[in-house]
Amino acid sequence: MAGPVPWSLAWSDDGELAPQDRFDLFQSLVCSESQSAQPTLIAAIEHMPLEQLSMVSTGGVTGLCA
């Protein structure tokens, strides 16, 4: 799985990485990092607000690491 392309990232009005790009980045890192780093990345996804995760949780997106 390829990670997000840096020049195509979107930013929200508050200066944070847009929810879809943040989720994609975390997911690509989880797939590529060592087992010792994965729990920290998964915890970061779990700390995303629920409304942001509901915007990005589609079969095509959440199935990328399967």
PDB file of N, CA and C in Angstrom:
ATOM      1  N   MET A   1       0.839  -1.177   0.000  1.00  0.00           N
ATOM      2  CA  MET A   1       0.000   0.000   0.000  1.00  0.00           C
ATOM      3  C   MET A   1       0.880   1.234   0.000  1.00  0.00           C
ATOM      4  N   ALA A   2       0.623   2.125  -0.903  1.00  0.00           N
ATOM      5  CA  ALA A   2       1.383   3.373  -0.970  1.00  0.00           C
ATOM      6  C   ALA A   2       0.805   4.390   0.005  1.00  0.00           C
ATOM      7  N   GLY A   3       1.669   5.175   0.602  1.00  0.00           N
ATOM      8  CA  GLY A   3       1.238   6.214   1.514  1.00  0.00           C
ATOM      9  C   GLY A   3       0.691   7.414   0.774  1.00  0.00           C
ATOM     10  N   PRO A   4       0.100   8.353   1.520  1.00  0.00           N
ATOM     11  CA  PRO A   4      -0.406   9.569   0.886  1.00  0.00           C
ATOM     12  C   PRO A   4       0.718  10.342   0.183  1.00  0.00           C
ATOM     13  N   VAL A   5       0.387  10.972  -0.917  1.00  0.00           N
ATOM     14  CA  VAL A   5       1.361  11.769  -1.656  1.00  0.00           C
ATOM     15  C   VAL A   5       1.449  13.132  -0.980  1.00  0.00           C
ATOM     16  N   PRO A   6       2.635  13.534  -0.494  1.00  0.00           N
ATOM     17  CA  PRO A   6       2.748  14.758   0.312  1.00  0.00           C
ATOM     18  C   PRO A   6       2.183  16.013  -0.339  1.00  0.00           C
ATOM     19  N   TRP A   7       2.328  16.167  -1.657  1.00  0.00           N
ATOM     20  CA  TRP A   7       1.861  17.404  -2.282  1.00  0.00           C
ATOM     21  C   TRP A   7       0.357  17.402  -2.538  1.00  0.00           C
ATOM     22  N   SER A   8      -0.328  16.302  -2.247  1.00  0.00           N
ATOM     23  CA  SER A   8      -1.766  16.271  -2.459  1.00  0.00           C
ATOM     24  C   SER A   8      -2.551  16.243  -1.149  1.00  0.00           C
ATOM     25  N   LEU A   9      -1.875  16.466  -0.032  1.00  0.00           N
ATOM     26  CA  LEU A   9      -2.556  16.437   1.255  1.00  0.00           C
ATOM     27  C   LEU A   9      -3.470  17.649   1.407  1.00  0.00           C
ATOM     28  N   ALA A  10      -4.591  17.432   2.072  1.00  0.00           N
ATOM     29  CA  ALA A  10      -5.544  18.511   2.329  1.00  0.00           C
ATOM     30  C   ALA A  10      -5.467  18.898   3.803  1.00  0.00           C
ATOM     31  N   TRP A  11      -5.722  20.153   4.072  1.00  0.00           N
ATOM     32  CA  TRP A  11      -5.655  20.685   5.432  1.00  0.00           C
ATOM     33  C   TRP A  11      -7.006  21.270   5.803  1.00  0.00           C
ATOM     34  N   SER A  12      -7.394  21.092   7.054  1.00  0.00           N
ATOM     35  CA  SER A  12      -8.663  21.639   7.518  1.00  0.00           C
ATOM     36  C   SER A  12      -8.488  23.115   7.859  1.00  0.00           C
ATOM     37  N   ASP A  13      -9.592  23.777   8.159  1.00  0.00           N
ATOM     38  CA  ASP A  13      -9.560  25.207   8.463  1.00  0.00           C
ATOM     39  C   ASP A  13      -8.729  25.532   9.705  1.00  0.00           C
ATOM     40  N   ASP A  14      -8.618  24.574  10.625  1.00  0.00           N
ATOM     41  CA  ASP A  14      -7.852  24.824  11.850  1.00  0.00           C
ATOM     42  C   ASP A  14      -6.368  24.481  11.711  1.00  0.00           C
ATOM     43  N   GLY A  15      -5.934  24.180  10.482  1.00  0.00           N
ATOM     44  CA  GLY A  15      -4.519  23.935  10.230  1.00  0.00           C
ATOM     45  C   GLY A  15      -4.078  22.497  10.431  1.00  0.00           C
ATOM     46  N   GLU A  16      -5.002  21.616  10.743  1.00  0.00           N
ATOM     47  CA  GLU A  16      -4.677  20.200  10.929  1.00  0.00           C
ATOM     48  C   GLU A  16      -4.821  19.462   9.603  1.00  0.00           C
ATOM     49  N   LEU A  17      -4.165  18.332   9.517  1.00  0.00           N
ATOM     50  CA  LEU A  17      -4.306  17.475   8.347  1.00  0.00           C
ATOM     51  C   LEU A  17      -5.764  17.030   8.253  1.00  0.00           C
ATOM     52  N   ALA A  18      -6.326  17.067   7.067  1.00  0.00           N
ATOM     53  CA  ALA A  18      -7.727  16.680   6.874  1.00  0.00           C
ATOM     54  C   ALA A  18      -7.946  15.243   7.356  1.00  0.00           C
ATOM     55  N   PRO A  19      -9.138  14.949   7.884  1.00  0.00           N
ATOM     56  CA  PRO A  19      -9.392  13.622   8.460  1.00  0.00           C
ATOM     57  C   PRO A  19      -9.055  12.465   7.527  1.00  0.00           C
ATOM     58  N   GLN A  20      -9.443  12.548   6.262  1.00  0.00           N
ATOM     59  CA  GLN A  20      -9.169  11.440   5.332  1.00  0.00           C
ATOM     60  C   GLN A  20      -7.666  11.232   5.169  1.00  0.00           C
ATOM     61  N   ASP A  21      -6.912  12.323   5.010  1.00  0.00           N
ATOM     62  CA  ASP A  21      -5.467  12.197   4.831  1.00  0.00           C
ATOM     63  C   ASP A  21      -4.793  11.726   6.111  1.00  0.00           C
ATOM     64  N   ARG A  22      -5.280  12.181   7.259  1.00  0.00           N
ATOM     65  CA  ARG A  22      -4.713  11.720   8.538  1.00  0.00           C
ATOM     66  C   ARG A  22      -4.945  10.231   8.700  1.00  0.00           C
ATOM     67  N   PHE A  23      -6.163   9.771   8.402  1.00  0.00           N
ATOM     68  CA  PHE A  23      -6.475   8.352   8.495  1.00  0.00           C
ATOM     69  C   PHE A  23      -5.618   7.542   7.526  1.00  0.00           C
ATOM     70  N   ASP A  24      -5.501   8.011   6.286  1.00  0.00           N
ATOM     71  CA  ASP A  24      -4.676   7.318   5.289  1.00  0.00           C
ATOM     72  C   ASP A  24      -3.226   7.229   5.736  1.00  0.00           C
ATOM     73  N   LEU A  25      -2.712   8.321   6.296  1.00  0.00           N
ATOM     74  CA  LEU A  25      -1.329   8.335   6.767  1.00  0.00           C
ATOM     75  C   LEU A  25      -1.134   7.339   7.900  1.00  0.00           C
ATOM     76  N   PHE A  26      -2.007   7.374   8.907  1.00  0.00           N
ATOM     77  CA  PHE A  26      -1.899   6.423  10.015  1.00  0.00           C
ATOM     78  C   PHE A  26      -2.005   4.992   9.502  1.00  0.00           C
ATOM     79  N   GLN A  27      -2.954   4.738   8.595  1.00  0.00           N
ATOM     80  CA  GLN A  27      -3.149   3.379   8.103  1.00  0.00           C
ATOM     81  C   GLN A  27      -1.931   2.889   7.322  1.00  0.00           C
ATOM     82  N   SER A  28      -1.348   3.751   6.501  1.00  0.00           N
ATOM     83  CA  SER A  28      -0.161   3.319   5.754  1.00  0.00           C
ATOM     84  C   SER A  28       1.019   3.096   6.689  1.00  0.00           C
ATOM     85  N   LEU A  29       1.124   3.900   7.754  1.00  0.00           N
ATOM     86  CA  LEU A  29       2.195   3.698   8.727  1.00  0.00           C
ATOM     87  C   LEU A  29       1.996   2.400   9.506  1.00  0.00           C
ATOM     88  N   VAL A  30       0.756   2.094   9.884  1.00  0.00           N
ATOM     89  CA  VAL A  30       0.487   0.848  10.610  1.00  0.00           C
ATOM     90  C   VAL A  30       0.918  -0.345   9.763  1.00  0.00           C
ATOM     91  N   CYS A  31       0.642  -0.288   8.473  1.00  0.00           N
ATOM     92  CA  CYS A  31       0.987  -1.406   7.581  1.00  0.00           C
ATOM     93  C   CYS A  31       2.492  -1.573   7.400  1.00  0.00           C
ATOM     94  N   SER A  32       3.241  -0.488   7.545  1.00  0.00           N
ATOM     95  CA  SER A  32       4.663  -0.551   7.228  1.00  0.00           C
ATOM     96  C   SER A  32       5.589  -0.545   8.445  1.00  0.00           C
ATOM     97  N   GLU A  33       5.076  -0.186   9.607  1.00  0.00           N
ATOM     98  CA  GLU A  33       5.935  -0.090  10.793  1.00  0.00           C
ATOM     99  C   GLU A  33       6.112  -1.432  11.484  1.00  0.00           C
ATOM    100  N   SER A  34       7.079  -1.480  12.384  1.00  0.00           N
ATOM    101  CA  SER A  34       7.353  -2.695  13.145  1.00  0.00           C
ATOM    102  C   SER A  34       6.208  -2.964  14.119  1.00  0.00           C
ATOM    103  N   GLN A  35       6.141  -4.192  14.582  1.00  0.00           N
ATOM    104  CA  GLN A  35       5.090  -4.571  15.531  1.00  0.00           C
ATOM    105  C   GLN A  35       5.170  -3.765  16.813  1.00  0.00           C
ATOM    106  N   SER A  36       6.345  -3.319  17.183  1.00  0.00           N
ATOM    107  CA  SER A  36       6.469  -2.541  18.417  1.00  0.00           C
ATOM    108  C   SER A  36       5.921  -1.118  18.258  1.00  0.00           C
ATOM    109  N   ALA A  37       5.916  -0.587  17.033  1.00  0.00           N
ATOM    110  CA  ALA A  37       5.396   0.762  16.778  1.00  0.00           C
ATOM    111  C   ALA A  37       3.910   0.764  16.454  1.00  0.00           C
ATOM    112  N   GLN A  38       3.381  -0.346  15.990  1.00  0.00           N
ATOM    113  CA  GLN A  38       1.986  -0.397  15.554  1.00  0.00           C
ATOM    114  C   GLN A  38       0.975  -0.032  16.640  1.00  0.00           C
ATOM    115  N   PRO A  39       1.121  -0.486  17.894  1.00  0.00           N
ATOM    116  CA  PRO A  39       0.122  -0.112  18.911  1.00  0.00           C
ATOM    117  C   PRO A  39      -0.001   1.405  19.119  1.00  0.00           C
ATOM    118  N   THR A  40       1.096   2.128  19.032  1.00  0.00           N
ATOM    119  CA  THR A  40       1.044   3.581  19.185  1.00  0.00           C
ATOM    120  C   THR A  40       0.273   4.217  18.041  1.00  0.00           C
ATOM    121  N   LEU A  41       0.489   3.738  16.825  1.00  0.00           N
ATOM    122  CA  LEU A  41      -0.221   4.272  15.672  1.00  0.00           C
ATOM    123  C   LEU A  41      -1.710   3.925  15.733  1.00  0.00           C
ATOM    124  N   ILE A  42      -2.018   2.722  16.158  1.00  0.00           N
ATOM    125  CA  ILE A  42      -3.419   2.324  16.298  1.00  0.00           C
ATOM    126  C   ILE A  42      -4.093   3.181  17.362  1.00  0.00           C
ATOM    127  N   ALA A  43      -3.388   3.466  18.452  1.00  0.00           N
ATOM    128  CA  ALA A  43      -3.940   4.343  19.492  1.00  0.00           C
ATOM    129  C   ALA A  43      -4.208   5.740  18.944  1.00  0.00           C
ATOM    130  N   ALA A  44      -3.364   6.222  18.047  1.00  0.00           N
ATOM    131  CA  ALA A  44      -3.581   7.535  17.436  1.00  0.00           C
ATOM    132  C   ALA A  44      -4.856   7.525  16.599  1.00  0.00           C
ATOM    133  N   ILE A  45      -5.101   6.447  15.865  1.00  0.00           N
ATOM    134  CA  ILE A  45      -6.347   6.333  15.099  1.00  0.00           C
ATOM    135  C   ILE A  45      -7.537   6.298  16.055  1.00  0.00           C
ATOM    136  N   GLU A  46      -7.393   5.563  17.155  1.00  0.00           N
ATOM    137  CA  GLU A  46      -8.489   5.452  18.120  1.00  0.00           C
ATOM    138  C   GLU A  46      -8.809   6.784  18.778  1.00  0.00           C
ATOM    139  N   HIS A  47      -7.852   7.705  18.814  1.00  0.00           N
ATOM    140  CA  HIS A  47      -8.084   9.016  19.424  1.00  0.00           C
ATOM    141  C   HIS A  47      -8.673  10.038  18.458  1.00  0.00           C
ATOM    142  N   MET A  48      -8.822   9.649  17.186  1.00  0.00           N
ATOM    143  CA  MET A  48      -9.485  10.548  16.240  1.00  0.00           C
ATOM    144  C   MET A  48     -10.944  10.673  16.649  1.00  0.00           C
ATOM    145  N   PRO A  49     -11.505  11.874  16.582  1.00  0.00           N
ATOM    146  CA  PRO A  49     -12.920  12.032  16.941  1.00  0.00           C
ATOM    147  C   PRO A  49     -13.811  11.140  16.085  1.00  0.00           C
ATOM    148  N   LEU A  50     -14.865  10.624  16.690  1.00  0.00           N
ATOM    149  CA  LEU A  50     -15.756   9.677  16.021  1.00  0.00           C
ATOM    150  C   LEU A  50     -16.333  10.241  14.731  1.00  0.00           C
ATOM    151  N   GLU A  51     -16.691  11.521  14.722  1.00  0.00           N
ATOM    152  CA  GLU A  51     -17.261  12.087  13.500  1.00  0.00           C
ATOM    153  C   GLU A  51     -16.256  12.090  12.358  1.00  0.00           C
ATOM    154  N   GLN A  52     -14.954  12.201  12.658  1.00  0.00           N
ATOM    155  CA  GLN A  52     -13.938  12.144  11.611  1.00  0.00           C
ATOM    156  C   GLN A  52     -13.796  10.724  11.081  1.00  0.00           C
ATOM    157  N   LEU A  53     -13.819   9.742  11.961  1.00  0.00           N
ATOM    158  CA  LEU A  53     -13.696   8.357  11.516  1.00  0.00           C
ATOM    159  C   LEU A  53     -14.910   7.924  10.713  1.00  0.00           C
ATOM    160  N   SER A  54     -16.094   8.405  11.085  1.00  0.00           N
ATOM    161  CA  SER A  54     -17.276   8.011  10.337  1.00  0.00           C
ATOM    162  C   SER A  54     -17.244   8.580   8.927  1.00  0.00           C
ATOM    163  N   MET A  55     -16.537   9.699   8.714  1.00  0.00           N
ATOM    164  CA  MET A  55     -16.410  10.280   7.383  1.00  0.00           C
ATOM    165  C   MET A  55     -15.504   9.426   6.484  1.00  0.00           C
ATOM    166  N   VAL A  56     -14.541   8.721   7.078  1.00  0.00           N
ATOM    167  CA  VAL A  56     -13.553   8.002   6.274  1.00  0.00           C
ATOM    168  C   VAL A  56     -13.725   6.493   6.301  1.00  0.00           C
ATOM    169  N   SER A  57     -14.650   5.980   7.089  1.00  0.00           N
ATOM    170  CA  SER A  57     -14.767   4.520   7.217  1.00  0.00           C
ATOM    171  C   SER A  57     -15.673   3.950   6.146  1.00  0.00           C
ATOM    172  N   THR A  58     -15.069   3.650   5.027  1.00  0.00           N
ATOM    173  CA  THR A  58     -15.775   2.963   3.941  1.00  0.00           C
ATOM    174  C   THR A  58     -15.012   1.680   3.645  1.00  0.00           C
ATOM    175  N   GLY A  59     -15.655   0.749   3.023  1.00  0.00           N
ATOM    176  CA  GLY A  59     -15.002  -0.526   2.716  1.00  0.00           C
ATOM    177  C   GLY A  59     -13.722  -0.362   1.951  1.00  0.00           C
ATOM    178  N   GLY A  60     -13.686   0.566   1.008  1.00  0.00           N
ATOM    179  CA  GLY A  60     -12.505   0.772   0.199  1.00  0.00           C
ATOM    180  C   GLY A  60     -11.337   1.330   0.982  1.00  0.00           C
ATOM    181  N   VAL A  61     -11.637   2.158   1.973  1.00  0.00           N
ATOM    182  CA  VAL A  61     -10.562   2.777   2.755  1.00  0.00           C
ATOM    183  C   VAL A  61     -10.123   1.851   3.869  1.00  0.00           C
ATOM    184  N   THR A  62     -11.072   1.327   4.648  1.00  0.00           N
ATOM    185  CA  THR A  62     -10.696   0.514   5.798  1.00  0.00           C
ATOM    186  C   THR A  62     -10.185  -0.862   5.405  1.00  0.00           C
ATOM    187  N   GLY A  63     -10.396  -1.283   4.186  1.00  0.00           N
ATOM    188  CA  GLY A  63      -9.931  -2.592   3.757  1.00  0.00           C
ATOM    189  C   GLY A  63      -8.541  -2.586   3.144  1.00  0.00           C
ATOM    190  N   LEU A  64      -7.865  -1.450   3.153  1.00  0.00           N
ATOM    191  CA  LEU A  64      -6.569  -1.360   2.475  1.00  0.00           C
ATOM    192  C   LEU A  64      -5.503  -2.245   3.106  1.00  0.00           C
ATOM    193  N   CYS A  65      -5.523  -2.425   4.410  1.00  0.00           N
ATOM    194  CA  CYS A  65      -4.492  -3.222   5.075  1.00  0.00           C
ATOM    195  C   CYS A  65      -4.887  -4.694   5.200  1.00  0.00           C
ATOM    196  N   ALA A  66      -6.093  -5.027   4.846  1.00  0.00           N
ATOM    197  CA  ALA A  66      -6.577  -6.408   5.022  1.00  0.00           C
ATOM    198  C   ALA A  66      -5.860  -7.364   4.094  1.00  0.00           C
TER     199      ALA A  66
END
